[in-house]
């Protein structure tokens, strides 16, 4: 939100400077002792970094530079940011084929709303914490072994989500294990709730099947 405010401020200042002198905003500013633009907005670091009469490409480049710098400054302080995809952009979990419940679980995991507040795990060996689930006997190890190899010290589920392809054109071997693990984690966190049966990853599988050419009938 901080970088968004900075971006909107810079765009507002650019728009203010491009208005004709007889516009209402300039006429009002001429009769006021001070304005928010002169006292605060025009001192925005992002706006001040722009060259005089910047082109659209200059503005886009400055905004991208500010976003990357802000993101890099937060990484050492934010544990969850370290678990996300390194480059800035739209996370594929937002648009890869999945049901509403599956997408909800992935988003909640990214935000640490899943698992949320730790509680005793139904397996009886630990609490419902991120570090516990890869070793929880209630989640089959075959699912974890289906995920891509992860660096030491990185949660395997975080690494798998960050390794997802950006396109659903080709199948992803570990898409179904990711969704199955998240479903089991949700059931472990709320053991008293009834969960409907789900076919994890079926939306992507169905979309791929629909693209296959229909075989010609045998004569």
C-alpha atoms as a PDB file:
ATOM      1  CA  UNK A   1       0.000   0.000   0.000  1.00  0.00           C
ATOM      2  CA  UNK A   2       2.873   2.368   0.706  1.00  0.00           C
ATOM      3  CA  UNK A   3       4.291   2.068  -2.801  1.00  0.00           C
ATOM      4  CA  UNK A   4       0.787   2.344  -4.237  1.00  0.00           C
ATOM      5  CA  UNK A   5       0.283   5.650  -2.421  1.00  0.00           C
ATOM      6  CA  UNK A   6       3.664   6.833  -3.702  1.00  0.00           C
ATOM      7  CA  UNK A   7       2.702   5.899  -7.276  1.00  0.00           C
ATOM      8  CA  UNK A   8      -0.664   7.651  -7.147  1.00  0.00           C
ATOM      9  CA  UNK A   9       0.952  10.746  -5.658  1.00  0.00           C
ATOM     10  CA  UNK A  10       3.464  10.950  -8.503  1.00  0.00           C
ATOM     11  CA  UNK A  11       0.714  10.507 -11.100  1.00  0.00           C
ATOM     12  CA  UNK A  12      -1.385  13.199  -9.412  1.00  0.00           C
ATOM     13  CA  UNK A  13       1.526  15.640  -9.500  1.00  0.00           C
ATOM     14  CA  UNK A  14       2.185  14.900 -13.168  1.00  0.00           C
ATOM     15  CA  UNK A  15      -1.460  15.504 -13.951  1.00  0.00           C
ATOM     16  CA  UNK A  16      -1.441  18.746 -11.962  1.00  0.00           C
ATOM     17  CA  UNK A  17       1.548  20.055 -13.924  1.00  0.00           C
ATOM     18  CA  UNK A  18      -0.078  19.168 -17.251  1.00  0.00           C
ATOM     19  CA  UNK A  19      -3.283  21.128 -16.600  1.00  0.00           C
ATOM     20  CA  UNK A  20      -3.703  24.474 -18.391  1.00  0.00           C
ATOM     21  CA  UNK A  21      -3.164  27.645 -16.295  1.00  0.00           C
ATOM     22  CA  UNK A  22      -6.847  28.547 -16.440  1.00  0.00           C
ATOM     23  CA  UNK A  23      -8.003  25.199 -15.030  1.00  0.00           C
ATOM     24  CA  UNK A  24      -9.999  25.320 -11.800  1.00  0.00           C
ATOM     25  CA  UNK A  25      -7.290  23.596  -9.778  1.00  0.00           C
ATOM     26  CA  UNK A  26      -4.625  26.122 -10.783  1.00  0.00           C
ATOM     27  CA  UNK A  27      -6.998  29.045 -10.199  1.00  0.00           C
ATOM     28  CA  UNK A  28      -7.779  27.782  -6.706  1.00  0.00           C
ATOM     29  CA  UNK A  29      -4.091  27.250  -5.952  1.00  0.00           C
ATOM     30  CA  UNK A  30      -3.310  30.840  -6.988  1.00  0.00           C
ATOM     31  CA  UNK A  31      -5.598  32.309  -4.293  1.00  0.00           C
ATOM     32  CA  UNK A  32      -4.610  29.979  -1.457  1.00  0.00           C
ATOM     33  CA  UNK A  33      -1.723  30.699   0.888  1.00  0.00           C
ATOM     34  CA  UNK A  34      -0.570  27.074   0.747  1.00  0.00           C
ATOM     35  CA  UNK A  35      -1.716  23.864  -0.886  1.00  0.00           C
ATOM     36  CA  UNK A  36      -1.182  20.207  -0.227  1.00  0.00           C
ATOM     37  CA  UNK A  37       0.594  19.981  -3.562  1.00  0.00           C
ATOM     38  CA  UNK A  38       3.235  22.560  -2.669  1.00  0.00           C
ATOM     39  CA  UNK A  39       3.687  21.515   0.962  1.00  0.00           C
ATOM     40  CA  UNK A  40       3.627  17.746   0.632  1.00  0.00           C
ATOM     41  CA  UNK A  41       2.718  15.993  -2.635  1.00  0.00           C
ATOM     42  CA  UNK A  42       5.317  17.660  -4.857  1.00  0.00           C
ATOM     43  CA  UNK A  43       8.053  16.441  -2.479  1.00  0.00           C
ATOM     44  CA  UNK A  44       7.268  12.793  -3.206  1.00  0.00           C
ATOM     45  CA  UNK A  45      10.571  10.906  -3.799  1.00  0.00           C
ATOM     46  CA  UNK A  46       9.135   9.108  -6.821  1.00  0.00           C
ATOM     47  CA  UNK A  47       7.889  12.344  -8.392  1.00  0.00           C
ATOM     48  CA  UNK A  48      11.181  14.115  -7.676  1.00  0.00           C
ATOM     49  CA  UNK A  49      13.109  11.286  -9.353  1.00  0.00           C
ATOM     50  CA  UNK A  50      11.355  11.924 -12.681  1.00  0.00           C
ATOM     51  CA  UNK A  51      13.000  14.100 -15.343  1.00  0.00           C
ATOM     52  CA  UNK A  52      11.286  17.308 -16.474  1.00  0.00           C
ATOM     53  CA  UNK A  53       8.412  16.576 -18.879  1.00  0.00           C
ATOM     54  CA  UNK A  54       8.864  12.804 -18.584  1.00  0.00           C
ATOM     55  CA  UNK A  55       7.646  10.442 -21.284  1.00  0.00           C
ATOM     56  CA  UNK A  56       5.273   7.608 -20.459  1.00  0.00           C
ATOM     57  CA  UNK A  57       8.139   5.103 -20.629  1.00  0.00           C
ATOM     58  CA  UNK A  58      10.124   7.189 -18.116  1.00  0.00           C
ATOM     59  CA  UNK A  59       7.215   7.108 -15.673  1.00  0.00           C
ATOM     60  CA  UNK A  60       6.768   3.338 -16.061  1.00  0.00           C
ATOM     61  CA  UNK A  61      10.487   2.736 -15.541  1.00  0.00           C
ATOM     62  CA  UNK A  62      10.582   4.933 -12.415  1.00  0.00           C
ATOM     63  CA  UNK A  63       7.534   3.201 -10.927  1.00  0.00           C
ATOM     64  CA  UNK A  64       9.027  -0.242 -11.594  1.00  0.00           C
ATOM     65  CA  UNK A  65      12.349   0.789 -10.048  1.00  0.00           C
ATOM     66  CA  UNK A  66      10.576   2.105  -6.945  1.00  0.00           C
ATOM     67  CA  UNK A  67       8.505  -1.067  -6.620  1.00  0.00           C
ATOM     68  CA  UNK A  68      11.557  -3.317  -6.867  1.00  0.00           C
ATOM     69  CA  UNK A  69      13.505  -1.210  -4.353  1.00  0.00           C
ATOM     70  CA  UNK A  70      10.577  -1.243  -1.914  1.00  0.00           C
ATOM     71  CA  UNK A  71      10.121  -4.998  -2.355  1.00  0.00           C
ATOM     72  CA  UNK A  72      13.823  -5.695  -1.762  1.00  0.00           C
ATOM     73  CA  UNK A  73      13.767  -3.558   1.387  1.00  0.00           C
ATOM     74  CA  UNK A  74      10.918  -5.650   2.817  1.00  0.00           C
ATOM     75  CA  UNK A  75      12.314  -9.118   2.060  1.00  0.00           C
ATOM     76  CA  UNK A  76      14.768  -9.219   5.023  1.00  0.00           C
ATOM     77  CA  UNK A  77      11.943  -8.254   7.397  1.00  0.00           C
ATOM     78  CA  UNK A  78       9.027 -10.288   6.016  1.00  0.00           C
ATOM     79  CA  UNK A  79       9.197 -14.073   6.360  1.00  0.00           C
ATOM     80  CA  UNK A  80       6.177 -14.654   4.113  1.00  0.00           C
ATOM     81  CA  UNK A  81       7.675 -12.536   1.327  1.00  0.00           C
ATOM     82  CA  UNK A  82      10.708 -14.812   1.284  1.00  0.00           C
ATOM     83  CA  UNK A  83       8.346 -17.717   0.589  1.00  0.00           C
ATOM     84  CA  UNK A  84       6.813 -16.025  -2.477  1.00  0.00           C
ATOM     85  CA  UNK A  85       8.019 -15.890  -6.055  1.00  0.00           C
ATOM     86  CA  UNK A  86      11.205 -13.774  -6.345  1.00  0.00           C
ATOM     87  CA  UNK A  87      10.180 -11.527  -9.285  1.00  0.00           C
ATOM     88  CA  UNK A  88       7.398  -8.988  -9.044  1.00  0.00           C
ATOM     89  CA  UNK A  89       4.300  -9.932 -10.995  1.00  0.00           C
ATOM     90  CA  UNK A  90       0.991 -11.758 -10.841  1.00  0.00           C
ATOM     91  CA  UNK A  91       1.284 -15.051  -8.966  1.00  0.00           C
ATOM     92  CA  UNK A  92       0.052 -17.937 -11.178  1.00  0.00           C
ATOM     93  CA  UNK A  93      -2.072 -19.257  -8.303  1.00  0.00           C
ATOM     94  CA  UNK A  94      -4.492 -16.435  -9.145  1.00  0.00           C
ATOM     95  CA  UNK A  95      -5.237 -17.645 -12.661  1.00  0.00           C
ATOM     96  CA  UNK A  96      -4.180 -21.290 -13.102  1.00  0.00           C
ATOM     97  CA  UNK A  97      -7.265 -23.529 -13.493  1.00  0.00           C
ATOM     98  CA  UNK A  98      -8.626 -24.385 -10.049  1.00  0.00           C
ATOM     99  CA  UNK A  99     -11.860 -24.378  -8.098  1.00  0.00           C
ATOM    100  CA  UNK A 100     -12.832 -21.518  -5.833  1.00  0.00           C
ATOM    101  CA  UNK A 101     -11.950 -23.575  -2.739  1.00  0.00           C
ATOM    102  CA  UNK A 102      -8.552 -24.596  -4.120  1.00  0.00           C
ATOM    103  CA  UNK A 103      -7.644 -21.018  -5.009  1.00  0.00           C
ATOM    104  CA  UNK A 104      -8.811 -19.884  -1.578  1.00  0.00           C
ATOM    105  CA  UNK A 105      -6.517 -22.381   0.161  1.00  0.00           C
ATOM    106  CA  UNK A 106      -3.491 -21.319  -1.874  1.00  0.00           C
ATOM    107  CA  UNK A 107      -4.110 -17.641  -1.107  1.00  0.00           C
ATOM    108  CA  UNK A 108      -4.649 -18.329   2.589  1.00  0.00           C
ATOM    109  CA  UNK A 109      -1.421 -20.335   2.714  1.00  0.00           C
ATOM    110  CA  UNK A 110       0.477 -17.447   1.091  1.00  0.00           C
ATOM    111  CA  UNK A 111      -0.984 -15.051   3.686  1.00  0.00           C
ATOM    112  CA  UNK A 112      -0.384 -17.521   6.563  1.00  0.00           C
ATOM    113  CA  UNK A 113      -4.123 -17.575   7.320  1.00  0.00           C
ATOM    114  CA  UNK A 114      -3.716 -21.277   6.737  1.00  0.00           C
ATOM    115  CA  UNK A 115      -2.720 -22.815   9.132  1.00  0.00           C
ATOM    116  CA  UNK A 116      -3.269 -19.636  11.178  1.00  0.00           C
ATOM    117  CA  UNK A 117      -3.069 -19.824  14.966  1.00  0.00           C
ATOM    118  CA  UNK A 118      -1.288 -23.066  15.967  1.00  0.00           C
ATOM    119  CA  UNK A 119      -3.372 -25.706  17.726  1.00  0.00           C
ATOM    120  CA  UNK A 120      -2.728 -29.360  18.639  1.00  0.00           C
ATOM    121  CA  UNK A 121      -2.477 -31.418  15.464  1.00  0.00           C
ATOM    122  CA  UNK A 122      -4.822 -34.433  15.286  1.00  0.00           C
ATOM    123  CA  UNK A 123      -1.743 -36.628  14.698  1.00  0.00           C
ATOM    124  CA  UNK A 124      -0.754 -35.964  18.324  1.00  0.00           C
ATOM    125  CA  UNK A 125       2.929 -35.281  17.630  1.00  0.00           C
ATOM    126  CA  UNK A 126       3.035 -31.487  17.262  1.00  0.00           C
ATOM    127  CA  UNK A 127       1.007 -28.351  16.589  1.00  0.00           C
ATOM    128  CA  UNK A 128      -0.481 -27.239  13.269  1.00  0.00           C
ATOM    129  CA  UNK A 129       2.539 -25.217  12.152  1.00  0.00           C
ATOM    130  CA  UNK A 130       4.055 -24.847   8.712  1.00  0.00           C
ATOM    131  CA  UNK A 131       7.240 -26.643   9.745  1.00  0.00           C
ATOM    132  CA  UNK A 132       5.260 -29.642  11.069  1.00  0.00           C
ATOM    133  CA  UNK A 133       3.193 -30.593   8.036  1.00  0.00           C
ATOM    134  CA  UNK A 134       6.030 -32.083   5.904  1.00  0.00           C
ATOM    135  CA  UNK A 135       6.550 -34.616   8.711  1.00  0.00           C
ATOM    136  CA  UNK A 136       2.923 -35.059   9.807  1.00  0.00           C
ATOM    137  CA  UNK A 137       1.898 -38.744   9.610  1.00  0.00           C
ATOM    138  CA  UNK A 138      -1.617 -37.666   8.568  1.00  0.00           C
ATOM    139  CA  UNK A 139      -0.273 -36.393   5.213  1.00  0.00           C
ATOM    140  CA  UNK A 140       1.105 -39.190   2.975  1.00  0.00           C
ATOM    141  CA  UNK A 141       4.804 -38.772   2.290  1.00  0.00           C
ATOM    142  CA  UNK A 142       4.172 -39.741  -1.329  1.00  0.00           C
ATOM    143  CA  UNK A 143       2.489 -36.349  -1.797  1.00  0.00           C
ATOM    144  CA  UNK A 144       5.522 -34.475  -0.442  1.00  0.00           C
ATOM    145  CA  UNK A 145       7.853 -36.588  -2.560  1.00  0.00           C
ATOM    146  CA  UNK A 146       5.860 -35.563  -5.648  1.00  0.00           C
ATOM    147  CA  UNK A 147       6.819 -31.904  -5.134  1.00  0.00           C
ATOM    148  CA  UNK A 148       9.927 -30.468  -6.821  1.00  0.00           C
ATOM    149  CA  UNK A 149      13.198 -30.618  -4.810  1.00  0.00           C
ATOM    150  CA  UNK A 150      13.402 -27.630  -2.497  1.00  0.00           C
ATOM    151  CA  UNK A 151      16.438 -25.721  -1.148  1.00  0.00           C
ATOM    152  CA  UNK A 152      17.508 -26.390   2.404  1.00  0.00           C
ATOM    153  CA  UNK A 153      15.564 -24.326   4.918  1.00  0.00           C
ATOM    154  CA  UNK A 154      12.691 -23.623   2.505  1.00  0.00           C
ATOM    155  CA  UNK A 155       9.248 -25.081   3.101  1.00  0.00           C
ATOM    156  CA  UNK A 156       8.592 -27.618   0.303  1.00  0.00           C
ATOM    157  CA  UNK A 157       5.048 -26.355  -0.241  1.00  0.00           C
ATOM    158  CA  UNK A 158       6.218 -22.740  -0.513  1.00  0.00           C
ATOM    159  CA  UNK A 159       8.863 -23.769  -3.042  1.00  0.00           C
ATOM    160  CA  UNK A 160       6.365 -25.798  -5.068  1.00  0.00           C
ATOM    161  CA  UNK A 161       3.917 -22.877  -5.264  1.00  0.00           C
ATOM    162  CA  UNK A 162       6.735 -20.557  -6.336  1.00  0.00           C
ATOM    163  CA  UNK A 163       7.822 -23.047  -9.017  1.00  0.00           C
ATOM    164  CA  UNK A 164       4.432 -23.294 -10.729  1.00  0.00           C
ATOM    165  CA  UNK A 165       4.433 -22.502 -14.449  1.00  0.00           C
ATOM    166  CA  UNK A 166       2.882 -19.259 -15.654  1.00  0.00           C
ATOM    167  CA  UNK A 167       0.753 -21.009 -18.243  1.00  0.00           C
ATOM    168  CA  UNK A 168      -1.717 -23.884 -18.084  1.00  0.00           C
ATOM    169  CA  UNK A 169      -0.914 -24.944 -21.645  1.00  0.00           C
ATOM    170  CA  UNK A 170       1.038 -27.969 -20.443  1.00  0.00           C
ATOM    171  CA  UNK A 171       0.318 -30.249 -17.440  1.00  0.00           C
ATOM    172  CA  UNK A 172       2.140 -29.710 -14.154  1.00  0.00           C
ATOM    173  CA  UNK A 173       3.138 -32.951 -12.433  1.00  0.00           C
ATOM    174  CA  UNK A 174       2.977 -31.503  -8.917  1.00  0.00           C
ATOM    175  CA  UNK A 175      -0.207 -29.406  -9.262  1.00  0.00           C
ATOM    176  CA  UNK A 176      -2.483 -32.142  -7.914  1.00  0.00           C
ATOM    177  CA  UNK A 177      -0.158 -32.971  -4.940  1.00  0.00           C
ATOM    178  CA  UNK A 178      -0.052 -29.258  -3.981  1.00  0.00           C
ATOM    179  CA  UNK A 179      -3.847 -29.030  -3.845  1.00  0.00           C
ATOM    180  CA  UNK A 180      -4.194 -32.378  -2.081  1.00  0.00           C
ATOM    181  CA  UNK A 181      -1.688 -31.329   0.609  1.00  0.00           C
ATOM    182  CA  UNK A 182      -3.470 -28.011   1.188  1.00  0.00           C
ATOM    183  CA  UNK A 183      -6.814 -29.809   1.519  1.00  0.00           C
ATOM    184  CA  UNK A 184      -5.354 -32.193   4.119  1.00  0.00           C
ATOM    185  CA  UNK A 185      -3.766 -29.287   6.003  1.00  0.00           C
ATOM    186  CA  UNK A 186      -7.120 -27.506   6.153  1.00  0.00           C
ATOM    187  CA  UNK A 187      -8.764 -30.649   7.483  1.00  0.00           C
ATOM    188  CA  UNK A 188      -6.067 -30.976  10.145  1.00  0.00           C
ATOM    189  CA  UNK A 189      -6.537 -27.365  11.233  1.00  0.00           C
ATOM    190  CA  UNK A 190     -10.321 -27.743  11.529  1.00  0.00           C
ATOM    191  CA  UNK A 191     -10.888 -31.419  12.406  1.00  0.00           C
ATOM    192  CA  UNK A 192     -14.441 -30.800  13.645  1.00  0.00           C
ATOM    193  CA  UNK A 193     -15.724 -29.508  10.304  1.00  0.00           C
ATOM    194  CA  UNK A 194     -17.197 -31.639   7.565  1.00  0.00           C
ATOM    195  CA  UNK A 195     -15.394 -31.259   4.236  1.00  0.00           C
ATOM    196  CA  UNK A 196     -16.948 -32.430   0.970  1.00  0.00           C
ATOM    197  CA  UNK A 197     -15.009 -34.844  -1.188  1.00  0.00           C
ATOM    198  CA  UNK A 198     -12.875 -33.069  -3.798  1.00  0.00           C
ATOM    199  CA  UNK A 199     -11.013 -34.230  -6.867  1.00  0.00           C
ATOM    200  CA  UNK A 200      -7.875 -32.106  -6.479  1.00  0.00           C
ATOM    201  CA  UNK A 201      -6.621 -30.553  -9.690  1.00  0.00           C
ATOM    202  CA  UNK A 202      -9.555 -31.764 -11.782  1.00  0.00           C
ATOM    203  CA  UNK A 203     -10.203 -28.337 -13.354  1.00  0.00           C
ATOM    204  CA  UNK A 204      -6.748 -28.181 -14.961  1.00  0.00           C
ATOM    205  CA  UNK A 205      -6.984 -31.815 -16.056  1.00  0.00           C
ATOM    206  CA  UNK A 206     -10.388 -31.183 -17.622  1.00  0.00           C
ATOM    207  CA  UNK A 207      -9.202 -28.060 -19.430  1.00  0.00           C
ATOM    208  CA  UNK A 208      -6.240 -29.961 -20.911  1.00  0.00           C
ATOM    209  CA  UNK A 209      -8.482 -32.828 -22.007  1.00  0.00           C
ATOM    210  CA  UNK A 210     -10.841 -30.419 -23.766  1.00  0.00           C
ATOM    211  CA  UNK A 211      -7.960 -29.153 -25.932  1.00  0.00           C
ATOM    212  CA  UNK A 212      -7.018 -32.586 -27.237  1.00  0.00           C
ATOM    213  CA  UNK A 213      -8.132 -33.230 -30.825  1.00  0.00           C
ATOM    214  CA  UNK A 214     -11.087 -35.548 -31.189  1.00  0.00           C
ATOM    215  CA  UNK A 215      -9.920 -38.843 -32.733  1.00  0.00           C
ATOM    216  CA  UNK A 216     -11.377 -39.661 -36.117  1.00  0.00           C
ATOM    217  CA  UNK A 217     -13.866 -42.530 -36.055  1.00  0.00           C
ATOM    218  CA  UNK A 218     -12.546 -45.851 -37.346  1.00  0.00           C
ATOM    219  CA  UNK A 219     -13.892 -46.846 -40.723  1.00  0.00           C
END
